């Protein structure tokens, strides 16, 4: 009977990896949102165009990072 402790994908290393992916996603989206907000304020835009565009870019960039890390295995 195989021992669960000897599996390479078990233990704290695995959940730390997935926790790190979550923080990367959040960090990417927050940086993009703050950058868009700054650009909208700096350029005195009435509609938050840069915020919307950069948030969407941040979501896709975060998903790309996660998929790249998950498929690297």
Protein backbone atom coordinates (compact mmCIF):
# COMPACT_ATOMS: atom_id res chain seq x y z
CA UNK A 1 0.00 0.00 0.00
CA UNK A 2 1.57 3.34 -1.04
CA UNK A 3 2.33 5.86 1.65
CA UNK A 4 0.69 9.28 1.14
CA UNK A 5 3.65 11.06 2.71
CA UNK A 6 6.02 9.90 -0.03
CA UNK A 7 3.94 11.35 -2.85
CA UNK A 8 5.67 14.31 -4.51
CA UNK A 9 2.40 16.31 -4.78
CA UNK A 10 1.39 16.14 -1.14
CA UNK A 11 2.15 18.21 1.89
CA UNK A 12 2.77 21.88 2.48
CA UNK A 13 4.75 22.35 -0.73
CA UNK A 14 1.62 21.81 -2.83
CA UNK A 15 -0.72 24.14 -0.97
CA UNK A 16 2.00 26.79 -0.76
CA UNK A 17 2.36 26.60 -4.54
CA UNK A 18 -1.35 27.16 -5.10
CA UNK A 19 -1.50 29.90 -2.47
CA UNK A 20 1.34 31.64 -4.25
CA UNK A 21 -0.58 31.44 -7.54
CA UNK A 22 -3.55 33.16 -5.90
CA UNK A 23 -1.41 35.96 -4.55
CA UNK A 24 0.20 36.40 -7.98
CA UNK A 25 -3.23 36.74 -9.57
CA UNK A 26 -4.42 39.26 -7.00
CA UNK A 27 -1.19 41.24 -7.21
CA UNK A 28 -1.29 41.45 -11.00
CA UNK A 29 -4.89 42.62 -11.08
CA UNK A 30 -4.38 45.17 -8.28
CA UNK A 31 -1.31 46.68 -9.94
CA UNK A 32 -3.17 46.98 -13.25
CA UNK A 33 -6.24 48.51 -11.57
CA UNK A 34 -4.17 51.07 -9.66
CA UNK A 35 -2.19 51.93 -12.80
CA UNK A 36 -5.40 52.47 -14.76
CA UNK A 37 -6.88 54.58 -12.00
CA UNK A 38 -3.75 56.72 -11.91
CA UNK A 39 -3.77 57.20 -15.70
CA UNK A 40 -7.46 58.14 -15.70
CA UNK A 41 -6.87 60.68 -12.95
CA UNK A 42 -3.68 62.05 -14.54
CA UNK A 43 -5.32 62.48 -17.94
CA UNK A 44 -8.57 63.74 -16.35
CA UNK A 45 -10.77 61.21 -18.12
CA UNK A 46 -14.51 61.40 -17.41
CA UNK A 47 -15.01 57.69 -18.12
CA UNK A 48 -12.45 55.26 -16.60
CA UNK A 49 -11.21 53.85 -19.91
CA UNK A 50 -7.69 53.02 -18.76
CA UNK A 51 -8.95 51.39 -15.58
CA UNK A 52 -11.26 49.08 -17.50
CA UNK A 53 -8.69 48.22 -20.15
CA UNK A 54 -5.89 47.58 -17.67
CA UNK A 55 -8.11 45.52 -15.35
CA UNK A 56 -9.09 43.29 -18.28
CA UNK A 57 -5.45 43.05 -19.29
CA UNK A 58 -4.57 42.15 -15.68
CA UNK A 59 -7.16 39.37 -15.58
CA UNK A 60 -5.86 37.82 -18.79
CA UNK A 61 -2.23 38.24 -17.69
CA UNK A 62 -2.99 36.60 -14.34
CA UNK A 63 -4.77 33.68 -16.02
CA UNK A 64 -1.84 33.28 -18.40
CA UNK A 65 0.60 33.17 -15.47
CA UNK A 66 -1.48 30.57 -13.64
CA UNK A 67 -1.93 28.35 -16.68
CA UNK A 68 1.77 28.59 -17.52
CA UNK A 69 2.70 27.55 -13.96
CA UNK A 70 0.15 24.73 -13.79
CA UNK A 71 1.14 23.27 -17.16
CA UNK A 72 4.88 23.53 -16.40
CA UNK A 73 4.59 20.55 -14.06
